Amino acid sequence: MKKWLLLLSLSMLLNAQEGLKKVVFDLTLGDQKAFERKVLSGIVKNKDYYEGTMQELDVAVVIHGNAYKFFVKNLSTTPYKKERELISAQESFEKRLRSLAAHYNVKFYICQAGLNELKIPKENIYDFVTPVATSTIGLIDRQSEGYVYIPTR
């Protein structure tokens, strides 16, 4: 009886994992329209697609390169302080990113080395974003956990 319960439990676990897809986006782009299309809208479409097929999509995003600016609370103290288009879109971006984190369980990781180089303190990054030592370490960690790598440039 115990063997059957163990086999049944193992079978259920394996079947549950079959319906789980994992993806890590390597986010380096700085173009706002591409950011909206590939991240803000694209992730939602991908999550909805898999949900519609009775599967789950686990999404992680590793932020570095030109993408820091989309995750900063106060742009006035950063190298992005003169980007008017970004400043006007920032409130909308923050709401949509928060929704991705809260309602779609998207995990965001940001390169601490890049933040240091840009002199952006981690207190000036949204609270749903987790700093990692470097973007490479963030990507290695996610891929070793079974996430499929997607470059977002």
N, C-alpha and C. Protein backbone atom coordinates (compact mmCIF):
# COMPACT_ATOMS: atom_id res chain seq x y z
N MET A 1 0.83 -1.20 0.00
CA MET A 1 0.00 0.00 0.00
C MET A 1 0.87 1.26 0.00
N LYS A 2 1.92 1.25 0.83
CA LYS A 2 2.80 2.41 0.90
C LYS A 2 3.49 2.65 -0.43
N LYS A 3 3.86 1.56 -1.11
CA LYS A 3 4.52 1.69 -2.42
C LYS A 3 3.58 2.35 -3.42
N TRP A 4 2.31 1.95 -3.39
CA TRP A 4 1.33 2.53 -4.32
C TRP A 4 1.13 4.02 -4.03
N LEU A 5 1.06 4.38 -2.78
CA LEU A 5 0.90 5.79 -2.43
C LEU A 5 2.12 6.60 -2.86
N LEU A 6 3.29 6.03 -2.67
CA LEU A 6 4.51 6.70 -3.10
C LEU A 6 4.54 6.87 -4.61
N LEU A 7 4.19 5.82 -5.34
CA LEU A 7 4.15 5.90 -6.81
C LEU A 7 3.10 6.90 -7.28
N LEU A 8 1.94 6.90 -6.65
CA LEU A 8 0.88 7.84 -7.01
C LEU A 8 1.33 9.28 -6.75
N SER A 9 1.95 9.51 -5.61
CA SER A 9 2.45 10.86 -5.28
C SER A 9 3.51 11.32 -6.26
N LEU A 10 4.43 10.43 -6.59
CA LEU A 10 5.49 10.75 -7.55
C LEU A 10 4.91 11.04 -8.93
N SER A 11 3.95 10.26 -9.34
CA SER A 11 3.30 10.45 -10.63
C SER A 11 2.59 11.80 -10.69
N MET A 12 1.89 12.15 -9.61
CA MET A 12 1.19 13.43 -9.56
C MET A 12 2.17 14.59 -9.63
N LEU A 13 3.30 14.47 -8.93
CA LEU A 13 4.32 15.51 -8.94
C LEU A 13 4.89 15.69 -10.34
N LEU A 14 5.21 14.59 -10.99
CA LEU A 14 5.78 14.67 -12.35
C LEU A 14 4.78 15.25 -13.33
N ASN A 15 3.51 14.88 -13.24
CA ASN A 15 2.49 15.43 -14.12
C ASN A 15 2.28 16.91 -13.88
N ALA A 16 2.35 17.33 -12.63
CA ALA A 16 2.20 18.76 -12.32
C ALA A 16 3.35 19.55 -12.93
N GLN A 17 4.57 19.00 -12.89
CA GLN A 17 5.73 19.69 -13.45
C GLN A 17 5.65 19.78 -14.97
N GLU A 18 4.98 18.80 -15.63
CA GLU A 18 4.85 18.84 -17.09
C GLU A 18 4.09 20.09 -17.53
N GLY A 19 3.16 20.56 -16.73
CA GLY A 19 2.37 21.72 -17.09
C GLY A 19 3.04 23.04 -16.73
N LEU A 20 4.25 22.99 -16.17
CA LEU A 20 4.96 24.19 -15.76
C LEU A 20 6.07 24.50 -16.75
N LYS A 21 6.02 25.70 -17.31
CA LYS A 21 7.09 26.20 -18.17
C LYS A 21 7.78 27.32 -17.41
N LYS A 22 9.10 27.46 -17.62
CA LYS A 22 9.87 28.49 -16.94
C LYS A 22 10.67 29.28 -17.96
N VAL A 23 10.65 30.59 -17.84
CA VAL A 23 11.42 31.44 -18.75
C VAL A 23 12.07 32.57 -17.98
N VAL A 24 13.32 32.88 -18.34
CA VAL A 24 14.01 34.04 -17.79
C VAL A 24 14.32 34.97 -18.94
N PHE A 25 13.85 36.20 -18.83
CA PHE A 25 14.13 37.23 -19.82
C PHE A 25 15.38 37.99 -19.40
N ASP A 26 16.33 38.08 -20.32
CA ASP A 26 17.57 38.85 -20.13
C ASP A 26 17.28 40.25 -20.66
N LEU A 27 16.85 41.14 -19.76
CA LEU A 27 16.35 42.46 -20.16
C LEU A 27 17.46 43.50 -20.16
N THR A 28 17.84 43.94 -21.35
CA THR A 28 18.87 44.97 -21.49
C THR A 28 18.40 46.17 -22.29
N LEU A 29 17.23 46.09 -22.87
CA LEU A 29 16.80 47.15 -23.79
C LEU A 29 16.42 48.44 -23.07
N GLY A 30 16.60 49.56 -23.73
CA GLY A 30 16.26 50.85 -23.16
C GLY A 30 15.18 51.57 -23.94
N ASP A 31 14.75 51.01 -25.03
CA ASP A 31 13.71 51.62 -25.87
C ASP A 31 12.33 51.40 -25.23
N GLN A 32 11.61 52.49 -24.99
CA GLN A 32 10.33 52.40 -24.29
C GLN A 32 9.29 51.60 -25.03
N LYS A 33 9.17 51.81 -26.33
CA LYS A 33 8.15 51.08 -27.10
C LYS A 33 8.44 49.57 -27.09
N ALA A 34 9.70 49.21 -27.24
CA ALA A 34 10.08 47.79 -27.19
C ALA A 34 9.84 47.23 -25.78
N PHE A 35 10.13 48.01 -24.75
CA PHE A 35 9.89 47.60 -23.37
C PHE A 35 8.40 47.32 -23.15
N GLU A 36 7.55 48.23 -23.62
CA GLU A 36 6.11 48.02 -23.48
C GLU A 36 5.66 46.76 -24.22
N ARG A 37 6.14 46.60 -25.45
CA ARG A 37 5.72 45.47 -26.29
C ARG A 37 6.25 44.14 -25.76
N LYS A 38 7.53 44.08 -25.45
CA LYS A 38 8.16 42.81 -25.09
C LYS A 38 7.97 42.43 -23.63
N VAL A 39 7.94 43.40 -22.75
CA VAL A 39 7.85 43.10 -21.32
C VAL A 39 6.43 43.33 -20.80
N LEU A 40 5.97 44.56 -20.82
CA LEU A 40 4.69 44.87 -20.19
C LEU A 40 3.51 44.15 -20.86
N SER A 41 3.47 44.12 -22.17
CA SER A 41 2.39 43.42 -22.87
C SER A 41 2.75 41.97 -23.16
N GLY A 42 3.99 41.74 -23.58
CA GLY A 42 4.40 40.40 -23.99
C GLY A 42 4.30 39.36 -22.90
N ILE A 43 4.73 39.70 -21.72
CA ILE A 43 4.67 38.73 -20.61
C ILE A 43 3.22 38.37 -20.30
N VAL A 44 2.34 39.36 -20.28
CA VAL A 44 0.92 39.09 -20.01
C VAL A 44 0.35 38.16 -21.08
N LYS A 45 0.65 38.42 -22.35
CA LYS A 45 0.14 37.56 -23.43
C LYS A 45 0.66 36.14 -23.29
N ASN A 46 1.95 36.00 -22.96
CA ASN A 46 2.52 34.66 -22.80
C ASN A 46 1.89 33.93 -21.61
N LYS A 47 1.74 34.62 -20.49
CA LYS A 47 1.12 34.01 -19.31
C LYS A 47 -0.32 33.59 -19.63
N ASP A 48 -1.07 34.46 -20.30
CA ASP A 48 -2.46 34.14 -20.64
C ASP A 48 -2.55 32.96 -21.60
N TYR A 49 -1.62 32.89 -22.55
CA TYR A 49 -1.62 31.76 -23.49
C TYR A 49 -1.48 30.44 -22.73
N TYR A 50 -0.48 30.35 -21.88
CA TYR A 50 -0.25 29.10 -21.16
C TYR A 50 -1.38 28.78 -20.20
N GLU A 51 -1.94 29.79 -19.58
CA GLU A 51 -3.08 29.56 -18.70
C GLU A 51 -4.25 28.99 -19.51
N GLY A 52 -4.44 29.49 -20.74
CA GLY A 52 -5.51 28.99 -21.61
C GLY A 52 -5.30 27.56 -22.06
N THR A 53 -4.08 27.06 -21.97
CA THR A 53 -3.79 25.67 -22.35
C THR A 53 -3.61 24.79 -21.11
N MET A 54 -4.10 25.30 -19.97
CA MET A 54 -4.04 24.57 -18.70
C MET A 54 -2.61 24.29 -18.25
N GLN A 55 -1.71 25.21 -18.58
CA GLN A 55 -0.33 25.11 -18.15
C GLN A 55 0.02 26.39 -17.40
N GLU A 56 1.15 26.35 -16.73
CA GLU A 56 1.59 27.52 -15.98
C GLU A 56 2.92 28.01 -16.54
N LEU A 57 3.09 29.32 -16.61
CA LEU A 57 4.34 29.92 -17.06
C LEU A 57 4.93 30.70 -15.89
N ASP A 58 6.10 30.28 -15.45
CA ASP A 58 6.84 30.95 -14.38
C ASP A 58 7.84 31.88 -15.05
N VAL A 59 7.73 33.19 -14.78
CA VAL A 59 8.55 34.18 -15.47
C VAL A 59 9.47 34.90 -14.49
N ALA A 60 10.75 35.01 -14.90
CA ALA A 60 11.73 35.81 -14.18
C ALA A 60 12.34 36.78 -15.19
N VAL A 61 12.72 37.94 -14.72
CA VAL A 61 13.34 38.96 -15.55
C VAL A 61 14.61 39.43 -14.86
N VAL A 62 15.74 39.36 -15.58
CA VAL A 62 17.01 39.85 -15.05
C VAL A 62 17.31 41.16 -15.77
N ILE A 63 17.45 42.23 -14.99
CA ILE A 63 17.55 43.60 -15.50
C ILE A 63 18.99 44.09 -15.45
N HIS A 64 19.46 44.62 -16.59
CA HIS A 64 20.78 45.25 -16.65
C HIS A 64 20.87 46.03 -17.96
N GLY A 65 22.06 46.45 -18.34
CA GLY A 65 22.22 47.21 -19.59
C GLY A 65 21.49 48.54 -19.54
N ASN A 66 20.66 48.79 -20.54
CA ASN A 66 19.92 50.04 -20.64
C ASN A 66 18.55 49.99 -19.96
N ALA A 67 18.23 48.89 -19.30
CA ALA A 67 16.88 48.69 -18.75
C ALA A 67 16.70 49.17 -17.31
N TYR A 68 17.76 49.58 -16.65
CA TYR A 68 17.63 50.05 -15.25
C TYR A 68 16.56 51.12 -15.11
N LYS A 69 16.51 52.01 -16.07
CA LYS A 69 15.65 53.19 -15.97
C LYS A 69 14.18 52.88 -15.78
N PHE A 70 13.74 51.70 -16.16
CA PHE A 70 12.33 51.35 -16.02
C PHE A 70 11.97 50.90 -14.61
N PHE A 71 12.97 50.77 -13.74
CA PHE A 71 12.75 50.23 -12.40
C PHE A 71 13.19 51.19 -11.29
N VAL A 72 13.40 52.45 -11.65
CA VAL A 72 13.86 53.47 -10.71
C VAL A 72 12.67 54.28 -10.19
N LYS A 73 12.62 54.49 -8.88
CA LYS A 73 11.54 55.27 -8.26
C LYS A 73 11.65 56.76 -8.59
N ASN A 74 12.84 57.33 -8.35
CA ASN A 74 13.05 58.76 -8.52
C ASN A 74 14.12 58.99 -9.58
N LEU A 75 13.68 59.35 -10.76
CA LEU A 75 14.60 59.54 -11.89
C LEU A 75 15.47 60.79 -11.75
N SER A 76 15.05 61.74 -10.94
CA SER A 76 15.74 63.03 -10.87
C SER A 76 17.17 62.94 -10.34
N THR A 77 17.50 61.86 -9.69
CA THR A 77 18.85 61.71 -9.14
C THR A 77 19.68 60.68 -9.92
N THR A 78 19.23 60.36 -11.13
CA THR A 78 19.88 59.31 -11.92
C THR A 78 20.34 59.87 -13.28
N PRO A 79 21.08 59.09 -14.03
CA PRO A 79 21.47 59.52 -15.38
C PRO A 79 20.29 59.68 -16.34
N TYR A 80 19.10 59.26 -15.92
CA TYR A 80 17.91 59.31 -16.78
C TYR A 80 17.05 60.55 -16.52
N LYS A 81 17.55 61.48 -15.72
CA LYS A 81 16.74 62.62 -15.27
C LYS A 81 16.28 63.55 -16.38
N LYS A 82 16.87 63.49 -17.55
CA LYS A 82 16.48 64.37 -18.66
C LYS A 82 15.63 63.67 -19.72
N GLU A 83 15.28 62.44 -19.48
CA GLU A 83 14.47 61.69 -20.46
C GLU A 83 12.99 61.99 -20.23
N ARG A 84 12.51 63.01 -20.91
CA ARG A 84 11.13 63.50 -20.71
C ARG A 84 10.07 62.45 -21.00
N GLU A 85 10.26 61.72 -22.07
CA GLU A 85 9.28 60.70 -22.43
C GLU A 85 9.20 59.62 -21.34
N LEU A 86 10.34 59.25 -20.80
CA LEU A 86 10.39 58.27 -19.72
C LEU A 86 9.71 58.82 -18.47
N ILE A 87 10.01 60.06 -18.13
CA ILE A 87 9.43 60.69 -16.94
C ILE A 87 7.91 60.71 -17.03
N SER A 88 7.37 61.02 -18.21
CA SER A 88 5.91 61.07 -18.35
C SER A 88 5.28 59.67 -18.34
N ALA A 89 6.02 58.66 -18.70
CA ALA A 89 5.48 57.29 -18.73
C ALA A 89 5.76 56.53 -17.44
N GLN A 90 6.59 57.07 -16.57
CA GLN A 90 7.05 56.34 -15.40
C GLN A 90 5.93 55.84 -14.50
N GLU A 91 4.95 56.65 -14.20
CA GLU A 91 3.86 56.25 -13.32
C GLU A 91 3.09 55.06 -13.91
N SER A 92 2.82 55.11 -15.19
CA SER A 92 2.13 54.02 -15.87
C SER A 92 2.98 52.75 -15.86
N PHE A 93 4.27 52.89 -16.14
CA PHE A 93 5.17 51.74 -16.13
C PHE A 93 5.20 51.09 -14.75
N GLU A 94 5.30 51.92 -13.72
CA GLU A 94 5.35 51.37 -12.36
C GLU A 94 4.10 50.56 -12.04
N LYS A 95 2.93 51.09 -12.37
CA LYS A 95 1.68 50.38 -12.09
C LYS A 95 1.64 49.04 -12.82
N ARG A 96 2.05 49.05 -14.08
CA ARG A 96 2.02 47.83 -14.88
C ARG A 96 3.05 46.81 -14.39
N LEU A 97 4.22 47.29 -13.99
CA LEU A 97 5.25 46.39 -13.44
C LEU A 97 4.78 45.79 -12.12
N ARG A 98 4.18 46.62 -11.28
CA ARG A 98 3.65 46.12 -10.00
C ARG A 98 2.59 45.05 -10.24
N SER A 99 1.76 45.26 -11.24
CA SER A 99 0.74 44.28 -11.58
C SER A 99 1.37 42.97 -12.04
N LEU A 100 2.44 43.06 -12.84
CA LEU A 100 3.14 41.85 -13.27
C LEU A 100 3.67 41.08 -12.06
N ALA A 101 4.25 41.82 -11.11
CA ALA A 101 4.81 41.18 -9.92
C ALA A 101 3.72 40.61 -9.02
N ALA A 102 2.67 41.38 -8.78
CA ALA A 102 1.64 40.98 -7.82
C ALA A 102 0.64 39.97 -8.39
N HIS A 103 0.15 40.22 -9.59
CA HIS A 103 -0.93 39.40 -10.14
C HIS A 103 -0.46 38.28 -11.06
N TYR A 104 0.70 38.45 -11.65
CA TYR A 104 1.23 37.44 -12.57
C TYR A 104 2.45 36.72 -11.99
N ASN A 105 2.82 37.07 -10.77
CA ASN A 105 3.94 36.43 -10.06
C ASN A 105 5.26 36.46 -10.83
N VAL A 106 5.48 37.54 -11.57
CA VAL A 106 6.75 37.71 -12.28
C VAL A 106 7.80 38.14 -11.26
N LYS A 107 8.96 37.50 -11.32
CA LYS A 107 10.05 37.83 -10.40
C LYS A 107 11.06 38.69 -11.14
N PHE A 108 11.39 39.82 -10.56
CA PHE A 108 12.35 40.76 -11.16
C PHE A 108 13.65 40.77 -10.36
N TYR A 109 14.77 40.64 -11.06
CA TYR A 109 16.10 40.68 -10.46
C TYR A 109 16.90 41.76 -11.18
N ILE A 110 17.65 42.56 -10.42
CA ILE A 110 18.41 43.66 -11.01
C ILE A 110 19.89 43.54 -10.62
N CYS A 111 20.75 43.86 -11.56
CA CYS A 111 22.20 43.75 -11.36
C CYS A 111 22.70 44.84 -10.41
N GLN A 112 23.18 44.42 -9.25
CA GLN A 112 23.70 45.37 -8.25
C GLN A 112 24.98 46.05 -8.74
N ALA A 113 25.81 45.34 -9.47
CA ALA A 113 27.05 45.93 -9.98
C ALA A 113 26.74 47.12 -10.89
N GLY A 114 25.75 46.98 -11.73
CA GLY A 114 25.35 48.08 -12.61
C GLY A 114 24.74 49.24 -11.85
N LEU A 115 23.94 48.92 -10.84
CA LEU A 115 23.38 49.98 -9.99
C LEU A 115 24.50 50.77 -9.33
N ASN A 116 25.51 50.07 -8.85
CA ASN A 116 26.65 50.74 -8.21
C ASN A 116 27.37 51.64 -9.21
N GLU A 117 27.58 51.13 -10.41
CA GLU A 117 28.28 51.90 -11.43
C GLU A 117 27.50 53.16 -11.81
N LEU A 118 26.17 53.05 -11.86
CA LEU A 118 25.32 54.20 -12.19
C LEU A 118 25.02 55.08 -10.98
N LYS A 119 25.50 54.66 -9.82
CA LYS A 119 25.28 55.39 -8.56
C LYS A 119 23.78 55.51 -8.23
N ILE A 120 23.08 54.39 -8.43
CA ILE A 120 21.66 54.31 -8.09
C ILE A 120 21.55 53.42 -6.85
N PRO A 121 21.18 54.00 -5.71
CA PRO A 121 21.06 53.17 -4.50
C PRO A 121 19.88 52.21 -4.60
N LYS A 122 20.00 51.05 -3.97
CA LYS A 122 18.91 50.06 -4.07
C LYS A 122 17.60 50.59 -3.48
N GLU A 123 17.68 51.59 -2.61
CA GLU A 123 16.47 52.21 -2.05
C GLU A 123 15.70 52.97 -3.13
N ASN A 124 16.35 53.27 -4.24
CA ASN A 124 15.70 53.99 -5.33
C ASN A 124 15.16 53.03 -6.40
N ILE A 125 15.13 51.76 -6.08
CA ILE A 125 14.58 50.74 -6.98
C ILE A 125 13.26 50.25 -6.38
N TYR A 126 12.29 49.93 -7.23
CA TYR A 126 11.00 49.45 -6.74
C TYR A 126 11.18 48.26 -5.79
N ASP A 127 10.31 48.20 -4.79
CA ASP A 127 10.44 47.19 -3.74
C ASP A 127 10.16 45.76 -4.20
N PHE A 128 9.58 45.58 -5.36
CA PHE A 128 9.32 44.23 -5.86
C PHE A 128 10.48 43.69 -6.70
N VAL A 129 11.57 44.45 -6.79
CA VAL A 129 12.75 44.06 -7.56
C VAL A 129 13.84 43.62 -6.59
N THR A 130 14.43 42.47 -6.85
CA THR A 130 15.47 41.90 -5.99
C THR A 130 16.85 42.12 -6.60
N PRO A 131 17.75 42.78 -5.90
CA PRO A 131 19.12 42.92 -6.41
C PRO A 131 19.86 41.57 -6.37
N VAL A 132 20.66 41.33 -7.41
CA VAL A 132 21.57 40.19 -7.46
C VAL A 132 22.96 40.75 -7.72
N ALA A 133 23.99 40.06 -7.30
CA ALA A 133 25.36 40.58 -7.40
C ALA A 133 25.68 41.08 -8.80
N THR A 134 25.43 40.24 -9.80
CA THR A 134 25.63 40.63 -11.21
C THR A 134 24.52 40.01 -12.03
N SER A 135 24.31 40.55 -13.22
CA SER A 135 23.28 39.98 -14.10
C SER A 135 23.65 38.56 -14.50
N THR A 136 24.93 38.31 -14.70
CA THR A 136 25.38 36.98 -15.09
C THR A 136 25.01 35.96 -14.01
N ILE A 137 25.24 36.30 -12.75
CA ILE A 137 24.88 35.40 -11.65
C ILE A 137 23.37 35.18 -11.62
N GLY A 138 22.60 36.24 -11.81
CA GLY A 138 21.13 36.11 -11.86
C GLY A 138 20.68 35.17 -12.97
N LEU A 139 21.30 35.29 -14.14
CA LEU A 139 20.95 34.42 -15.27
C LEU A 139 21.40 32.98 -15.03
N ILE A 140 22.60 32.80 -14.51
CA ILE A 140 23.09 31.45 -14.20
C ILE A 140 22.17 30.77 -13.19
N ASP A 141 21.81 31.49 -12.14
CA ASP A 141 20.95 30.92 -11.11
C ASP A 141 19.60 30.51 -11.68
N ARG A 142 18.99 31.37 -12.48
CA ARG A 142 17.68 31.03 -13.04
C ARG A 142 17.79 29.83 -14.00
N GLN A 143 18.81 29.84 -14.84
CA GLN A 143 18.95 28.73 -15.79
C GLN A 143 19.25 27.41 -15.08
N SER A 144 19.99 27.47 -13.99
CA SER A 144 20.26 26.23 -13.25
C SER A 144 19.00 25.73 -12.55
N GLU A 145 18.01 26.59 -12.39
CA GLU A 145 16.72 26.20 -11.82
C GLU A 145 15.74 25.72 -12.90
N GLY A 146 16.23 25.66 -14.15
CA GLY A 146 15.40 25.13 -15.24
C GLY A 146 14.70 26.16 -16.10
N TYR A 147 15.03 27.43 -15.93
CA TYR A 147 14.42 28.47 -16.75
C TYR A 147 15.06 28.49 -18.14
N VAL A 148 14.23 28.70 -19.16
CA VAL A 148 14.71 28.84 -20.52
C VAL A 148 15.11 30.30 -20.73
N TYR A 149 16.27 30.51 -21.34
CA TYR A 149 16.83 31.84 -21.55
C TYR A 149 16.24 32.50 -22.80
N ILE A 150 15.73 33.74 -22.63
CA ILE A 150 15.25 34.54 -23.76
C ILE A 150 15.93 35.92 -23.68
N PRO A 151 16.71 36.28 -24.69
CA PRO A 151 17.30 37.62 -24.69
C PRO A 151 16.23 38.66 -25.06
N THR A 152 16.24 39.80 -24.41
CA THR A 152 15.30 40.88 -24.70
C THR A 152 16.11 42.13 -24.96
N ARG A 153 16.37 42.35 -26.23
CA ARG A 153 17.19 43.49 -26.64
C ARG A 153 16.45 44.36 -27.60
